[in-house]
């Protein structure tokens, strides 16, 4: 079985590379704060993680994807809070 990192894990690594390795400013005003997911993301997650696919499993996986996106957005908000305040105050 091949290890597949979650979107949150990928985002954390990307943030680390930008912030620490590349010493880049991670806030770009046109970037998405809350990244959505596609029907394909939902279907792939269902196929990969659920034995029985039914209405309850679809709702469960949807909530997991939503919560993961919300966690990522809150992480980005926290990480960039000072820059957000600075940019909004100009």
C-alpha atoms as a PDB file:
ATOM      1  CA  UNK A   1       0.000   0.000   0.000  1.00  0.00           C
ATOM      2  CA  UNK A   2       1.339   3.418  -0.975  1.00  0.00           C
ATOM      3  CA  UNK A   3       1.363   6.207   1.594  1.00  0.00           C
ATOM      4  CA  UNK A   4      -0.722   9.184   0.532  1.00  0.00           C
ATOM      5  CA  UNK A   5      -0.310  12.347   2.636  1.00  0.00           C
ATOM      6  CA  UNK A   6      -3.420  14.324   3.492  1.00  0.00           C
ATOM      7  CA  UNK A   7      -3.987  17.753   1.994  1.00  0.00           C
ATOM      8  CA  UNK A   8      -3.290  19.250   5.419  1.00  0.00           C
ATOM      9  CA  UNK A   9       0.076  17.492   5.626  1.00  0.00           C
ATOM     10  CA  UNK A  10       0.976  18.689   2.134  1.00  0.00           C
ATOM     11  CA  UNK A  11      -0.035  22.261   3.041  1.00  0.00           C
ATOM     12  CA  UNK A  12       2.114  22.180   6.191  1.00  0.00           C
ATOM     13  CA  UNK A  13       5.138  20.977   4.223  1.00  0.00           C
ATOM     14  CA  UNK A  14       4.537  23.620   1.539  1.00  0.00           C
ATOM     15  CA  UNK A  15       4.333  26.275   4.240  1.00  0.00           C
ATOM     16  CA  UNK A  16       7.574  25.050   5.830  1.00  0.00           C
ATOM     17  CA  UNK A  17       9.399  25.089   2.502  1.00  0.00           C
ATOM     18  CA  UNK A  18       8.180  28.601   1.666  1.00  0.00           C
ATOM     19  CA  UNK A  19       8.756  30.074   5.104  1.00  0.00           C
ATOM     20  CA  UNK A  20      11.942  28.339   6.256  1.00  0.00           C
ATOM     21  CA  UNK A  21      13.737  26.956   3.228  1.00  0.00           C
ATOM     22  CA  UNK A  22      12.916  29.645   0.661  1.00  0.00           C
ATOM     23  CA  UNK A  23      12.441  32.434   3.223  1.00  0.00           C
ATOM     24  CA  UNK A  24       9.398  33.586   1.245  1.00  0.00           C
ATOM     25  CA  UNK A  25       6.533  35.661   2.468  1.00  0.00           C
ATOM     26  CA  UNK A  26       3.659  33.156   2.468  1.00  0.00           C
ATOM     27  CA  UNK A  27       0.834  35.676   2.165  1.00  0.00           C
ATOM     28  CA  UNK A  28      -0.216  36.531  -1.353  1.00  0.00           C
ATOM     29  CA  UNK A  29      -3.357  38.635  -1.392  1.00  0.00           C
ATOM     30  CA  UNK A  30      -4.879  36.764  -4.335  1.00  0.00           C
ATOM     31  CA  UNK A  31      -4.351  33.294  -2.835  1.00  0.00           C
ATOM     32  CA  UNK A  32      -7.351  31.382  -1.602  1.00  0.00           C
ATOM     33  CA  UNK A  33      -7.728  31.358   2.167  1.00  0.00           C
ATOM     34  CA  UNK A  34     -10.365  28.633   2.205  1.00  0.00           C
ATOM     35  CA  UNK A  35      -9.671  26.103  -0.495  1.00  0.00           C
ATOM     36  CA  UNK A  36     -12.614  24.086  -1.630  1.00  0.00           C
ATOM     37  CA  UNK A  37     -12.718  20.619  -3.037  1.00  0.00           C
ATOM     38  CA  UNK A  38     -14.265  19.171  -6.149  1.00  0.00           C
ATOM     39  CA  UNK A  39     -16.791  16.411  -6.663  1.00  0.00           C
ATOM     40  CA  UNK A  40     -13.851  14.399  -7.938  1.00  0.00           C
ATOM     41  CA  UNK A  41     -12.025  14.911  -4.616  1.00  0.00           C
ATOM     42  CA  UNK A  42     -15.112  13.649  -2.783  1.00  0.00           C
ATOM     43  CA  UNK A  43     -15.563  10.652  -5.067  1.00  0.00           C
ATOM     44  CA  UNK A  44     -11.875   9.729  -4.880  1.00  0.00           C
ATOM     45  CA  UNK A  45     -11.915   9.964  -1.083  1.00  0.00           C
ATOM     46  CA  UNK A  46     -14.995   7.738  -0.972  1.00  0.00           C
ATOM     47  CA  UNK A  47     -13.433   5.160  -3.293  1.00  0.00           C
ATOM     48  CA  UNK A  48     -10.180   5.174  -1.359  1.00  0.00           C
ATOM     49  CA  UNK A  49     -11.476   5.146   2.198  1.00  0.00           C
ATOM     50  CA  UNK A  50     -14.955   3.716   2.385  1.00  0.00           C
ATOM     51  CA  UNK A  51     -15.930   0.086   2.119  1.00  0.00           C
ATOM     52  CA  UNK A  52     -19.653   0.806   1.854  1.00  0.00           C
ATOM     53  CA  UNK A  53     -20.630   3.852  -0.136  1.00  0.00           C
ATOM     54  CA  UNK A  54     -24.022   5.193   0.844  1.00  0.00           C
ATOM     55  CA  UNK A  55     -25.640   8.461   1.859  1.00  0.00           C
ATOM     56  CA  UNK A  56     -24.127   8.370   5.345  1.00  0.00           C
ATOM     57  CA  UNK A  57     -20.599   7.672   4.100  1.00  0.00           C
ATOM     58  CA  UNK A  58     -20.894  10.478   1.520  1.00  0.00           C
ATOM     59  CA  UNK A  59     -21.950  12.930   4.246  1.00  0.00           C
ATOM     60  CA  UNK A  60     -19.189  11.683   6.557  1.00  0.00           C
ATOM     61  CA  UNK A  61     -16.446  12.070   3.950  1.00  0.00           C
ATOM     62  CA  UNK A  62     -17.811  15.458   2.885  1.00  0.00           C
ATOM     63  CA  UNK A  63     -17.627  16.669   6.494  1.00  0.00           C
ATOM     64  CA  UNK A  64     -14.070  15.323   6.798  1.00  0.00           C
ATOM     65  CA  UNK A  65     -12.986  17.190   3.655  1.00  0.00           C
ATOM     66  CA  UNK A  66     -14.749  20.341   4.825  1.00  0.00           C
ATOM     67  CA  UNK A  67     -13.175  20.150   8.287  1.00  0.00           C
ATOM     68  CA  UNK A  68      -9.731  19.588   6.762  1.00  0.00           C
ATOM     69  CA  UNK A  69     -10.192  22.651   4.546  1.00  0.00           C
ATOM     70  CA  UNK A  70     -11.349  24.672   7.548  1.00  0.00           C
ATOM     71  CA  UNK A  71      -8.331  23.534   9.599  1.00  0.00           C
ATOM     72  CA  UNK A  72      -6.021  24.578   6.777  1.00  0.00           C
ATOM     73  CA  UNK A  73      -7.729  27.976   6.488  1.00  0.00           C
ATOM     74  CA  UNK A  74      -7.498  28.581  10.231  1.00  0.00           C
ATOM     75  CA  UNK A  75      -3.824  27.580  10.158  1.00  0.00           C
ATOM     76  CA  UNK A  76      -3.134  30.034   7.327  1.00  0.00           C
ATOM     77  CA  UNK A  77      -5.106  32.733   9.148  1.00  0.00           C
ATOM     78  CA  UNK A  78      -3.084  32.196  12.320  1.00  0.00           C
ATOM     79  CA  UNK A  79       0.214  32.030  10.446  1.00  0.00           C
ATOM     80  CA  UNK A  80      -0.440  35.239   8.525  1.00  0.00           C
ATOM     81  CA  UNK A  81      -2.383  37.223  11.147  1.00  0.00           C
ATOM     82  CA  UNK A  82       0.189  40.019  11.518  1.00  0.00           C
ATOM     83  CA  UNK A  83       0.453  40.490   7.752  1.00  0.00           C
ATOM     84  CA  UNK A  84      -3.330  40.468   7.359  1.00  0.00           C
ATOM     85  CA  UNK A  85      -3.700  43.152  10.004  1.00  0.00           C
ATOM     86  CA  UNK A  86      -0.873  45.180   8.478  1.00  0.00           C
ATOM     87  CA  UNK A  87      -2.321  44.985   4.963  1.00  0.00           C
ATOM     88  CA  UNK A  88      -5.866  45.698   6.096  1.00  0.00           C
ATOM     89  CA  UNK A  89      -4.707  48.766   8.055  1.00  0.00           C
ATOM     90  CA  UNK A  90      -2.979  50.545   5.195  1.00  0.00           C
END
